[in-house]
C-alpha atoms as a PDB file:
ATOM      1  CA  MET A   1     301.421  38.818 127.648  1.00  0.00           C
ATOM      2  CA  ALA A   2     302.487  42.272 126.228  1.00  0.00           C
ATOM      3  CA  GLN A   3     299.980  43.931 124.118  1.00  0.00           C
ATOM      4  CA  VAL A   4     300.746  45.228 120.650  1.00  0.00           C
ATOM      5  CA  ASP A   5     299.701  48.850 119.995  1.00  0.00           C
ATOM      6  CA  ASP A   6     298.513  48.633 116.374  1.00  0.00           C
ATOM      7  CA  ARG A   7     297.212  52.197 116.236  1.00  0.00           C
ATOM      8  CA  PRO A   8     298.833  54.485 113.454  1.00  0.00           C
ATOM      9  CA  ALA A   9     301.972  56.052 114.872  1.00  0.00           C
ATOM     10  CA  GLY A  10     300.570  59.610 114.941  1.00  0.00           C
ATOM     11  CA  ALA A  11     297.588  58.548 117.158  1.00  0.00           C
ATOM     12  CA  ARG A  12     299.912  57.036 119.819  1.00  0.00           C
ATOM     13  CA  GLY A  13     300.782  60.700 120.810  1.00  0.00           C
ATOM     14  CA  GLY A  14     297.308  61.695 121.459  1.00  0.00           C
ATOM     15  CA  PRO A  15     294.933  64.279 119.751  1.00  0.00           C
ATOM     16  CA  GLY A  16     297.593  66.917 120.321  1.00  0.00           C
ATOM     17  CA  ARG A  17     300.231  65.193 118.407  1.00  0.00           C
ATOM     18  CA  VAL A  18     297.717  64.286 115.506  1.00  0.00           C
ATOM     19  CA  ILE A  19     296.737  67.859 115.150  1.00  0.00           C
ATOM     20  CA  ARG A  20     300.333  69.010 115.242  1.00  0.00           C
ATOM     21  CA  ASP A  21     301.330  66.337 112.490  1.00  0.00           C
ATOM     22  CA  TYR A  22     298.468  67.489 110.203  1.00  0.00           C
ATOM     23  CA  VAL A  23     299.264  71.101 110.589  1.00  0.00           C
ATOM     24  CA  ALA A  24     302.896  70.274 109.916  1.00  0.00           C
ATOM     25  CA  ILE A  25     302.141  68.815 106.459  1.00  0.00           C
ATOM     26  CA  THR A  26     300.664  72.290 105.437  1.00  0.00           C
ATOM     27  CA  LYS A  27     304.197  73.813 105.985  1.00  0.00           C
ATOM     28  CA  PRO A  28     303.149  76.800 108.222  1.00  0.00           C
ATOM     29  CA  ARG A  29     306.415  78.706 107.729  1.00  0.00           C
ATOM     30  CA  ILE A  30     305.886  78.778 103.964  1.00  0.00           C
ATOM     31  CA  ILE A  31     302.209  80.172 104.544  1.00  0.00           C
ATOM     32  CA  GLU A  32     303.715  82.877 106.662  1.00  0.00           C
ATOM     33  CA  LEU A  33     305.924  84.022 103.941  1.00  0.00           C
ATOM     34  CA  LEU A  34     303.281  83.962 101.428  1.00  0.00           C
ATOM     35  CA  LEU A  35     301.148  86.309 103.616  1.00  0.00           C
ATOM     36  CA  VAL A  36     304.128  88.668 103.892  1.00  0.00           C
ATOM     37  CA  THR A  37     303.578  89.372 100.306  1.00  0.00           C
ATOM     38  CA  ALA A  38     299.806  89.184 100.032  1.00  0.00           C
ATOM     39  CA  ILE A  39     298.861  91.581 102.859  1.00  0.00           C
ATOM     40  CA  PRO A  40     301.032  94.513 101.667  1.00  0.00           C
ATOM     41  CA  THR A  41     299.779  94.002  98.205  1.00  0.00           C
ATOM     42  CA  MET A  42     296.126  94.375  99.343  1.00  0.00           C
ATOM     43  CA  ILE A  43     297.207  97.749 100.960  1.00  0.00           C
ATOM     44  CA  LEU A  44     298.927  98.947  97.932  1.00  0.00           C
ATOM     45  CA  ALA A  45     295.830  97.991  95.705  1.00  0.00           C
ATOM     46  CA  ALA A  46     293.553  99.632  98.062  1.00  0.00           C
ATOM     47  CA  ARG A  47     295.950 102.639  98.730  1.00  0.00           C
ATOM     48  CA  GLY A  48     295.038 102.289 102.290  1.00  0.00           C
ATOM     49  CA  TRP A  49     293.144  99.529 104.289  1.00  0.00           C
ATOM     50  CA  PRO A  50     291.313  97.133 102.237  1.00  0.00           C
ATOM     51  CA  HIS A  51     287.668  96.345 102.952  1.00  0.00           C
ATOM     52  CA  LEU A  52     287.498  93.872 105.895  1.00  0.00           C
ATOM     53  CA  ARG A  53     285.624  91.190 103.972  1.00  0.00           C
ATOM     54  CA  VAL A  54     288.473  91.165 101.145  1.00  0.00           C
ATOM     55  CA  ALA A  55     291.119  91.097 103.740  1.00  0.00           C
ATOM     56  CA  VAL A  56     289.503  88.083 105.363  1.00  0.00           C
ATOM     57  CA  ALA A  57     289.160  86.423 102.019  1.00  0.00           C
ATOM     58  CA  VAL A  58     292.744  86.882 100.963  1.00  0.00           C
ATOM     59  CA  ILE A  59     294.270  85.983 104.517  1.00  0.00           C
ATOM     60  CA  VAL A  60     291.999  82.988 105.194  1.00  0.00           C
ATOM     61  CA  GLY A  61     291.686  81.889 101.502  1.00  0.00           C
ATOM     62  CA  GLY A  62     295.266  82.277 100.945  1.00  0.00           C
ATOM     63  CA  MET A  63     296.214  80.229 104.082  1.00  0.00           C
ATOM     64  CA  LEU A  64     294.000  77.535 102.901  1.00  0.00           C
ATOM     65  CA  ALA A  65     295.173  77.420  99.378  1.00  0.00           C
ATOM     66  CA  ALA A  66     298.750  77.486 100.459  1.00  0.00           C
ATOM     67  CA  GLY A  67     298.028  74.779 103.017  1.00  0.00           C
ATOM     68  CA  GLY A  68     296.251  72.611 100.468  1.00  0.00           C
ATOM     69  CA  ALA A  69     299.002  72.838  97.844  1.00  0.00           C
ATOM     70  CA  ASN A  70     301.832  72.179 100.609  1.00  0.00           C
ATOM     71  CA  ALA A  71     299.941  69.187 101.799  1.00  0.00           C
ATOM     72  CA  PHE A  72     299.720  67.697  98.293  1.00  0.00           C
ATOM     73  CA  ASN A  73     303.510  68.357  98.036  1.00  0.00           C
ATOM     74  CA  SER A  74     304.082  66.467 101.372  1.00  0.00           C
ATOM     75  CA  VAL A  75     301.996  63.524 100.169  1.00  0.00           C
ATOM     76  CA  TYR A  76     303.800  63.284  96.606  1.00  0.00           C
ATOM     77  CA  ASP A  77     307.290  63.848  98.108  1.00  0.00           C
ATOM     78  CA  ARG A  78     307.110  61.529 100.887  1.00  0.00           C
ATOM     79  CA  ASP A  79     309.641  59.273  99.379  1.00  0.00           C
ATOM     80  CA  ILE A  80     312.255  61.649  98.727  1.00  0.00           C
ATOM     81  CA  ASP A  81     311.549  63.341 102.141  1.00  0.00           C
ATOM     82  CA  ALA A  82     312.274  60.053 103.857  1.00  0.00           C
ATOM     83  CA  LYS A  83     315.852  59.999 102.243  1.00  0.00           C
ATOM     84  CA  MET A  84     316.830  63.512 103.246  1.00  0.00           C
ATOM     85  CA  ALA A  85     318.188  64.257 106.716  1.00  0.00           C
ATOM     86  CA  ARG A  86     316.460  67.673 106.716  1.00  0.00           C
ATOM     87  CA  THR A  87     313.074  66.360 106.005  1.00  0.00           C
ATOM     88  CA  HIS A  88     313.022  62.774 107.131  1.00  0.00           C
ATOM     89  CA  ALA A  89     310.966  63.446 110.226  1.00  0.00           C
ATOM     90  CA  ARG A  90     308.105  65.125 108.340  1.00  0.00           C
ATOM     91  CA  PRO A  91     304.803  63.492 109.311  1.00  0.00           C
ATOM     92  CA  ILE A  92     304.058  61.664 106.031  1.00  0.00           C
ATOM     93  CA  ALA A  93     307.646  60.581 105.345  1.00  0.00           C
ATOM     94  CA  ALA A  94     307.761  59.299 109.060  1.00  0.00           C
ATOM     95  CA  GLY A  95     304.456  57.630 108.825  1.00  0.00           C
ATOM     96  CA  THR A  96     302.686  59.548 111.566  1.00  0.00           C
ATOM     97  CA  VAL A  97     300.161  60.791 108.932  1.00  0.00           C
ATOM     98  CA  SER A  98     298.697  58.440 106.369  1.00  0.00           C
ATOM     99  CA  VAL A  99     298.749  59.126 102.577  1.00  0.00           C
ATOM    100  CA  ARG A 100     294.924  58.969 102.622  1.00  0.00           C
ATOM    101  CA  GLY A 101     294.779  61.449 105.409  1.00  0.00           C
ATOM    102  CA  GLY A 102     297.113  63.900 103.716  1.00  0.00           C
ATOM    103  CA  VAL A 103     295.210  63.567 100.421  1.00  0.00           C
ATOM    104  CA  ILE A 104     291.823  64.305 102.261  1.00  0.00           C
ATOM    105  CA  LEU A 105     293.275  67.369 104.095  1.00  0.00           C
ATOM    106  CA  ALA A 106     294.912  68.805 101.024  1.00  0.00           C
ATOM    107  CA  SER A 107     291.746  68.396  99.109  1.00  0.00           C
ATOM    108  CA  LEU A 108     289.552  69.853 101.710  1.00  0.00           C
ATOM    109  CA  LEU A 109     291.856  72.909 102.287  1.00  0.00           C
ATOM    110  CA  SER A 110     291.951  73.464  98.496  1.00  0.00           C
ATOM    111  CA  VAL A 111     288.309  73.411  97.846  1.00  0.00           C
ATOM    112  CA  ALA A 112     287.602  75.559 100.967  1.00  0.00           C
ATOM    113  CA  SER A 113     290.073  78.222  99.700  1.00  0.00           C
ATOM    114  CA  LEU A 114     288.374  78.495  96.403  1.00  0.00           C
ATOM    115  CA  VAL A 115     284.924  78.841  98.193  1.00  0.00           C
ATOM    116  CA  VAL A 116     286.330  81.606 100.525  1.00  0.00           C
ATOM    117  CA  LEU A 117     287.931  83.701  97.745  1.00  0.00           C
ATOM    118  CA  GLY A 118     285.031  83.226  95.431  1.00  0.00           C
ATOM    119  CA  THR A 119     282.377  84.173  97.884  1.00  0.00           C
ATOM    120  CA  LEU A 120     284.117  86.920  99.812  1.00  0.00           C
ATOM    121  CA  ALA A 121     286.288  88.288  97.178  1.00  0.00           C
ATOM    122  CA  ASN A 122     285.614  87.544  93.456  1.00  0.00           C
ATOM    123  CA  LEU A 123     285.769  84.741  90.808  1.00  0.00           C
ATOM    124  CA  LEU A 124     289.069  86.264  89.462  1.00  0.00           C
ATOM    125  CA  ALA A 125     290.808  85.758  92.890  1.00  0.00           C
ATOM    126  CA  ALA A 126     289.283  82.199  93.085  1.00  0.00           C
ATOM    127  CA  LEU A 127     290.553  81.355  89.546  1.00  0.00           C
ATOM    128  CA  LEU A 128     294.111  82.562  90.301  1.00  0.00           C
ATOM    129  CA  GLY A 129     293.943  80.580  93.606  1.00  0.00           C
ATOM    130  CA  ALA A 130     293.194  77.526  91.650  1.00  0.00           C
ATOM    131  CA  ILE A 131     295.890  78.111  89.279  1.00  0.00           C
ATOM    132  CA  ALA A 132     298.387  78.503  92.046  1.00  0.00           C
ATOM    133  CA  ILE A 133     297.279  75.292  93.777  1.00  0.00           C
ATOM    134  CA  ALA A 134     297.513  73.393  90.532  1.00  0.00           C
ATOM    135  CA  PHE A 135     300.968  74.754  89.472  1.00  0.00           C
ATOM    136  CA  TYR A 136     302.454  74.016  92.780  1.00  0.00           C
ATOM    137  CA  ALA A 137     300.976  70.527  93.145  1.00  0.00           C
ATOM    138  CA  VAL A 138     301.255  69.415  89.673  1.00  0.00           C
ATOM    139  CA  GLY A 139     303.454  71.727  87.777  1.00  0.00           C
ATOM    140  CA  TYR A 140     306.214  71.942  90.449  1.00  0.00           C
ATOM    141  CA  THR A 141     305.905  68.889  92.509  1.00  0.00           C
ATOM    142  CA  MET A 142     304.979  66.274  90.014  1.00  0.00           C
ATOM    143  CA  LEU A 143     306.502  67.696  86.820  1.00  0.00           C
ATOM    144  CA  LEU A 144     309.529  69.893  87.486  1.00  0.00           C
ATOM    145  CA  LYS A 145     311.096  69.148  90.754  1.00  0.00           C
ATOM    146  CA  ARG A 146     312.434  65.700  89.941  1.00  0.00           C
ATOM    147  CA  ARG A 147     313.198  66.234  86.222  1.00  0.00           C
ATOM    148  CA  THR A 148     315.125  69.615  85.909  1.00  0.00           C
ATOM    149  CA  PRO A 149     317.684  71.794  87.663  1.00  0.00           C
ATOM    150  CA  GLN A 150     315.441  74.894  86.687  1.00  0.00           C
ATOM    151  CA  ASN A 151     312.722  73.328  89.009  1.00  0.00           C
ATOM    152  CA  ILE A 152     312.895  76.118  91.486  1.00  0.00           C
ATOM    153  CA  VAL A 153     312.957  78.781  88.894  1.00  0.00           C
ATOM    154  CA  TRP A 154     309.646  77.976  87.120  1.00  0.00           C
ATOM    155  CA  GLY A 155     308.161  76.163  90.103  1.00  0.00           C
ATOM    156  CA  GLY A 156     308.738  79.202  92.245  1.00  0.00           C
ATOM    157  CA  ALA A 157     306.080  81.060  90.170  1.00  0.00           C
ATOM    158  CA  ALA A 158     303.521  79.337  92.311  1.00  0.00           C
ATOM    159  CA  GLY A 159     304.824  81.279  95.180  1.00  0.00           C
ATOM    160  CA  CYS A 160     304.433  84.561  93.373  1.00  0.00           C
ATOM    161  CA  MET A 161     300.687  84.030  92.880  1.00  0.00           C
ATOM    162  CA  PRO A 162     299.614  85.656  96.327  1.00  0.00           C
ATOM    163  CA  VAL A 163     300.295  89.024  95.053  1.00  0.00           C
ATOM    164  CA  LEU A 164     298.101  88.502  92.005  1.00  0.00           C
ATOM    165  CA  ILE A 165     295.303  87.016  94.062  1.00  0.00           C
ATOM    166  CA  ALA A 166     295.558  89.817  96.604  1.00  0.00           C
ATOM    167  CA  TRP A 167     295.419  92.563  93.957  1.00  0.00           C
ATOM    168  CA  ALA A 168     292.563  90.893  92.135  1.00  0.00           C
ATOM    169  CA  ALA A 169     290.631  90.464  95.317  1.00  0.00           C
ATOM    170  CA  VAL A 170     290.647  94.197  96.029  1.00  0.00           C
ATOM    171  CA  THR A 171     290.334  95.686  92.619  1.00  0.00           C
ATOM    172  CA  GLY A 172     288.660  92.850  90.562  1.00  0.00           C
ATOM    173  CA  SER A 173     291.225  93.160  87.898  1.00  0.00           C
ATOM    174  CA  LEU A 174     294.983  92.954  87.278  1.00  0.00           C
ATOM    175  CA  SER A 175     297.421  95.746  86.223  1.00  0.00           C
ATOM    176  CA  TRP A 176     301.162  96.195  85.618  1.00  0.00           C
ATOM    177  CA  ALA A 177     301.738  96.966  89.356  1.00  0.00           C
ATOM    178  CA  PRO A 178     300.961  93.460  90.546  1.00  0.00           C
ATOM    179  CA  VAL A 179     302.836  91.874  87.570  1.00  0.00           C
ATOM    180  CA  ILE A 180     305.925  93.746  88.770  1.00  0.00           C
ATOM    181  CA  LEU A 181     305.477  92.537  92.373  1.00  0.00           C
ATOM    182  CA  PHE A 182     305.003  88.976  90.916  1.00  0.00           C
ATOM    183  CA  PHE A 183     308.425  89.292  89.054  1.00  0.00           C
ATOM    184  CA  ILE A 184     310.066  90.694  92.257  1.00  0.00           C
ATOM    185  CA  VAL A 185     309.120  87.388  94.089  1.00  0.00           C
ATOM    186  CA  PHE A 186     309.767  85.295  90.982  1.00  0.00           C
ATOM    187  CA  TRP A 187     313.364  86.643  90.692  1.00  0.00           C
ATOM    188  CA  TRP A 188     313.878  86.462  94.403  1.00  0.00           C
ATOM    189  CA  THR A 189     313.026  82.753  94.723  1.00  0.00           C
ATOM    190  CA  PRO A 190     316.192  81.237  93.144  1.00  0.00           C
ATOM    191  CA  PRO A 191     318.658  83.521  95.241  1.00  0.00           C
ATOM    192  CA  HIS A 192     316.676  82.579  98.200  1.00  0.00           C
ATOM    193  CA  TYR A 193     316.362  78.833  97.597  1.00  0.00           C
ATOM    194  CA  TRP A 194     319.743  78.047  95.824  1.00  0.00           C
ATOM    195  CA  PRO A 195     321.701  78.909  99.111  1.00  0.00           C
ATOM    196  CA  LEU A 196     319.679  76.328 100.834  1.00  0.00           C
ATOM    197  CA  SER A 197     320.237  73.807  98.284  1.00  0.00           C
ATOM    198  CA  LEU A 198     323.887  74.450  98.427  1.00  0.00           C
ATOM    199  CA  ARG A 199     323.971  73.898 102.181  1.00  0.00           C
ATOM    200  CA  TYR A 200     321.888  70.581 101.860  1.00  0.00           C
ATOM    201  CA  ARG A 201     323.362  69.529  98.553  1.00  0.00           C
ATOM    202  CA  ASP A 202     324.156  66.028  99.859  1.00  0.00           C
ATOM    203  CA  ASP A 203     320.535  65.505 100.881  1.00  0.00           C
ATOM    204  CA  TYR A 204     319.166  66.467  97.543  1.00  0.00           C
ATOM    205  CA  ALA A 205     321.803  64.221  95.730  1.00  0.00           C
ATOM    206  CA  ALA A 206     320.882  61.268  97.972  1.00  0.00           C
ATOM    207  CA  ALA A 207     317.211  61.809  97.146  1.00  0.00           C
ATOM    208  CA  GLY A 208     317.735  62.101  93.354  1.00  0.00           C
ATOM    209  CA  VAL A 209     316.586  65.594  93.205  1.00  0.00           C
ATOM    210  CA  PRO A 210     318.351  67.515  90.467  1.00  0.00           C
ATOM    211  CA  MET A 211     318.602  70.947  92.348  1.00  0.00           C
ATOM    212  CA  LEU A 212     320.945  73.189  90.537  1.00  0.00           C
ATOM    213  CA  PRO A 213     323.790  72.764  93.240  1.00  0.00           C
ATOM    214  CA  VAL A 214     323.607  69.135  92.549  1.00  0.00           C
ATOM    215  CA  VAL A 215     324.197  69.266  89.031  1.00  0.00           C
ATOM    216  CA  ALA A 216     326.405  72.396  88.659  1.00  0.00           C
ATOM    217  CA  GLU A 217     329.650  73.545  90.387  1.00  0.00           C
ATOM    218  CA  THR A 218     329.233  75.856  93.228  1.00  0.00           C
ATOM    219  CA  SER A 219     330.882  78.663  91.470  1.00  0.00           C
ATOM    220  CA  SER A 220     328.281  78.437  88.662  1.00  0.00           C
ATOM    221  CA  VAL A 221     325.580  78.503  91.005  1.00  0.00           C
ATOM    222  CA  THR A 222     326.857  81.511  92.948  1.00  0.00           C
ATOM    223  CA  ARG A 223     327.172  83.351  89.451  1.00  0.00           C
ATOM    224  CA  ARG A 224     323.452  82.724  88.677  1.00  0.00           C
ATOM    225  CA  ILE A 225     322.532  83.893  92.204  1.00  0.00           C
ATOM    226  CA  ILE A 226     324.232  87.186  91.501  1.00  0.00           C
ATOM    227  CA  VAL A 227     322.581  87.622  88.186  1.00  0.00           C
ATOM    228  CA  TYR A 228     319.145  86.858  89.626  1.00  0.00           C
ATOM    229  CA  SER A 229     319.720  89.123  92.596  1.00  0.00           C
ATOM    230  CA  TRP A 230     320.420  91.977  90.304  1.00  0.00           C
ATOM    231  CA  ILE A 231     317.336  91.277  88.092  1.00  0.00           C
ATOM    232  CA  MET A 232     315.254  91.225  91.280  1.00  0.00           C
ATOM    233  CA  VAL A 233     316.593  94.594  92.436  1.00  0.00           C
ATOM    234  CA  ALA A 234     315.913  95.958  89.178  1.00  0.00           C
ATOM    235  CA  PHE A 235     312.245  94.887  89.093  1.00  0.00           C
ATOM    236  CA  SER A 236     311.903  96.212  92.687  1.00  0.00           C
ATOM    237  CA  LEU A 237     312.995  99.780  91.387  1.00  0.00           C
ATOM    238  CA  ILE A 238     310.594  99.349  88.376  1.00  0.00           C
ATOM    239  CA  LEU A 239     307.827  99.376  90.709  1.00  0.00           C
ATOM    240  CA  ILE A 240     308.457 102.849  91.818  1.00  0.00           C
ATOM    241  CA  PRO A 241     307.298 104.525  88.478  1.00  0.00           C
ATOM    242  CA  VAL A 242     304.789 101.872  87.778  1.00  0.00           C
ATOM    243  CA  ALA A 243     302.854 101.927  90.980  1.00  0.00           C
ATOM    244  CA  GLY A 244     303.586 105.503  91.906  1.00  0.00           C
ATOM    245  CA  MET A 245     305.656 104.669  94.930  1.00  0.00           C
ATOM    246  CA  GLY A 246     306.803 107.347  97.364  1.00  0.00           C
ATOM    247  CA  LEU A 247     310.039 107.900  99.438  1.00  0.00           C
ATOM    248  CA  VAL A 248     309.396 105.130 102.026  1.00  0.00           C
ATOM    249  CA  TYR A 249     309.318 102.417  99.467  1.00  0.00           C
ATOM    250  CA  SER A 250     311.862 104.088  97.167  1.00  0.00           C
ATOM    251  CA  ILE A 251     314.623 104.411  99.744  1.00  0.00           C
ATOM    252  CA  SER A 252     313.860 100.928 101.220  1.00  0.00           C
ATOM    253  CA  ALA A 253     314.177  99.345  97.963  1.00  0.00           C
ATOM    254  CA  VAL A 254     317.486 100.934  97.050  1.00  0.00           C
ATOM    255  CA  VAL A 255     318.979 100.197 100.488  1.00  0.00           C
ATOM    256  CA  LEU A 256     317.630  96.744 100.898  1.00  0.00           C
ATOM    257  CA  GLY A 257     318.496  95.786  97.381  1.00  0.00           C
ATOM    258  CA  ALA A 258     321.957  97.052  97.776  1.00  0.00           C
ATOM    259  CA  VAL A 259     322.447  94.899 100.832  1.00  0.00           C
ATOM    260  CA  PHE A 260     321.158  91.915  98.907  1.00  0.00           C
ATOM    261  CA  VAL A 261     323.399  92.358  95.946  1.00  0.00           C
ATOM    262  CA  VAL A 262     326.534  92.833  98.230  1.00  0.00           C
ATOM    263  CA  GLU A 263     325.537  89.675 100.105  1.00  0.00           C
ATOM    264  CA  ALA A 264     325.271  87.860  96.758  1.00  0.00           C
ATOM    265  CA  HIS A 265     328.548  89.058  95.604  1.00  0.00           C
ATOM    266  CA  LEU A 266     330.191  88.037  98.883  1.00  0.00           C
ATOM    267  CA  LEU A 267     328.808  84.541  98.558  1.00  0.00           C
ATOM    268  CA  GLY A 268     330.442  84.357  95.051  1.00  0.00           C
ATOM    269  CA  ARG A 269     333.677  85.737  96.347  1.00  0.00           C
ATOM    270  CA  ARG A 270     333.825  83.059  99.116  1.00  0.00           C
ATOM    271  CA  ALA A 271     333.105  80.381  96.436  1.00  0.00           C
ATOM    272  CA  ARG A 272     335.975  81.703  94.275  1.00  0.00           C
ATOM    273  CA  LEU A 273     338.414  81.793  97.266  1.00  0.00           C
ATOM    274  CA  LEU A 274     337.640  78.203  98.154  1.00  0.00           C
ATOM    275  CA  VAL A 275     338.210  77.298  94.371  1.00  0.00           C
ATOM    276  CA  ASP A 276     341.605  79.048  94.313  1.00  0.00           C
ATOM    277  CA  GLY A 277     342.364  77.431  97.552  1.00  0.00           C
ATOM    278  CA  GLY A 278     341.757  73.865  96.282  1.00  0.00           C
ATOM    279  CA  GLY A 279     338.648  73.228  98.298  1.00  0.00           C
ATOM    280  CA  SER A 280     336.367  70.479  97.076  1.00  0.00           C
ATOM    281  CA  ASP A 281     333.149  71.545  95.405  1.00  0.00           C
ATOM    282  CA  VAL A 282     331.077  69.323  97.631  1.00  0.00           C
ATOM    283  CA  ALA A 283     332.471  71.000 100.768  1.00  0.00           C
ATOM    284  CA  GLN A 284     332.057  74.538  99.334  1.00  0.00           C
ATOM    285  CA  GLY A 285     328.195  73.958  99.722  1.00  0.00           C
ATOM    286  CA  ARG A 286     328.920  74.340 103.502  1.00  0.00           C
ATOM    287  CA  ASP A 287     332.047  76.157 103.648  1.00  0.00           C
ATOM    288  CA  ILE A 288     331.078  79.244 101.864  1.00  0.00           C
ATOM    289  CA  ARG A 289     328.254  79.891 104.359  1.00  0.00           C
ATOM    290  CA  PRO A 290     325.248  79.943 102.019  1.00  0.00           C
ATOM    291  CA  MET A 291     322.711  80.004 104.856  1.00  0.00           C
ATOM    292  CA  ARG A 292     323.928  83.715 105.477  1.00  0.00           C
ATOM    293  CA  LEU A 293     322.169  84.750 102.256  1.00  0.00           C
ATOM    294  CA  PHE A 294     319.207  82.501 102.826  1.00  0.00           C
ATOM    295  CA  HIS A 295     318.423  84.026 106.097  1.00  0.00           C
ATOM    296  CA  TRP A 296     318.888  87.390 104.623  1.00  0.00           C
ATOM    297  CA  SER A 297     316.735  86.831 101.707  1.00  0.00           C
ATOM    298  CA  ILE A 298     313.735  86.243 104.024  1.00  0.00           C
ATOM    299  CA  THR A 299     314.511  89.493 105.868  1.00  0.00           C
ATOM    300  CA  TYR A 300     314.743  91.286 102.704  1.00  0.00           C
ATOM    301  CA  LEU A 301     311.454  90.140 101.406  1.00  0.00           C
ATOM    302  CA  ALA A 302     309.671  91.037 104.644  1.00  0.00           C
ATOM    303  CA  LEU A 303     311.309  94.366 104.871  1.00  0.00           C
ATOM    304  CA  LEU A 304     310.588  95.280 101.198  1.00  0.00           C
ATOM    305  CA  PHE A 305     306.849  94.408 101.399  1.00  0.00           C
ATOM    306  CA  LEU A 306     306.577  96.145 104.705  1.00  0.00           C
ATOM    307  CA  ALA A 307     307.709  99.192 102.869  1.00  0.00           C
ATOM    308  CA  VAL A 308     305.137  98.422 100.176  1.00  0.00           C
ATOM    309  CA  ALA A 309     302.420  98.400 103.021  1.00  0.00           C
ATOM    310  CA  VAL A 310     303.650 101.547 104.773  1.00  0.00           C
ATOM    311  CA  ASP A 311     304.165 103.729 101.555  1.00  0.00           C
ATOM    312  CA  PRO A 312     300.540 104.396 100.681  1.00  0.00           C
ATOM    313  CA  PHE A 313     299.919 105.844 104.170  1.00  0.00           C
ATOM    314  CA  ILE A 314     302.951 108.053 104.173  1.00  0.00           C
ATOM    315  CA  ALA A 315     302.516 109.158 100.585  1.00  0.00           C
ATOM    316  CA  GLY A 316     298.783 109.880 101.315  1.00  0.00           C
END
């Protein structure tokens, strides 16, 4: 008589599979992107290498905070993840990690992040970490994402918090420089995410998530991408006088910003050509090649913040 394996799906792959699934719900790629902004911000705040203890606090505490917030997101969004082709294999949506396990992991990571930031850095950094976790897990995931097409605009503020946390960890305070860095990432988020939403518009529509490309025409979305791109570049240039940036950052901000704006305009042009050619609005989400701007936006942010990190050493 055949035996029935009644173990949870994740356990059937062995310990290695279980570990991979639990790591996956923390969304490591998003964590990497957050560290891309936090580490250079520390260097700028310190005008050189930050104290090792502070660096450990920001890197480890930041990873734990982002992982905890992402895990809460994975738990809450398991129903819509299961409906989307891009996300249906995520561990909680697929049933390889239990809801209880996800909540426990998210809670442990979140608490651990605040302990690390509070003990190795300072209370301001820990407070900002708590705000970031709460805003992403509750503000974006539970309140905004399913209710408004402006979800990624305001919800994206949580992804801007690492620069404030990093600056506070180094200096014990905040100033205009980290605020400008915050707004660079804030205005970057929609031109980064809306192209992805254009590509996977059908997925979001099927899941009932009102991402802007689901509720607005492609041409309208691309116009907003262009506007947000220009504002983002403007803030990247405002940082020069506010933070006393040197030639390395200044030249990088101008060149990288010019390429970003050109790519945004090219996306808009491809959308207009398809409209003029009679292409369907749904097809445009794929045919205008929005992922080109999506991938470039990641490169842009990484190179811009690399310039932020290098500039203090060259200027000094």
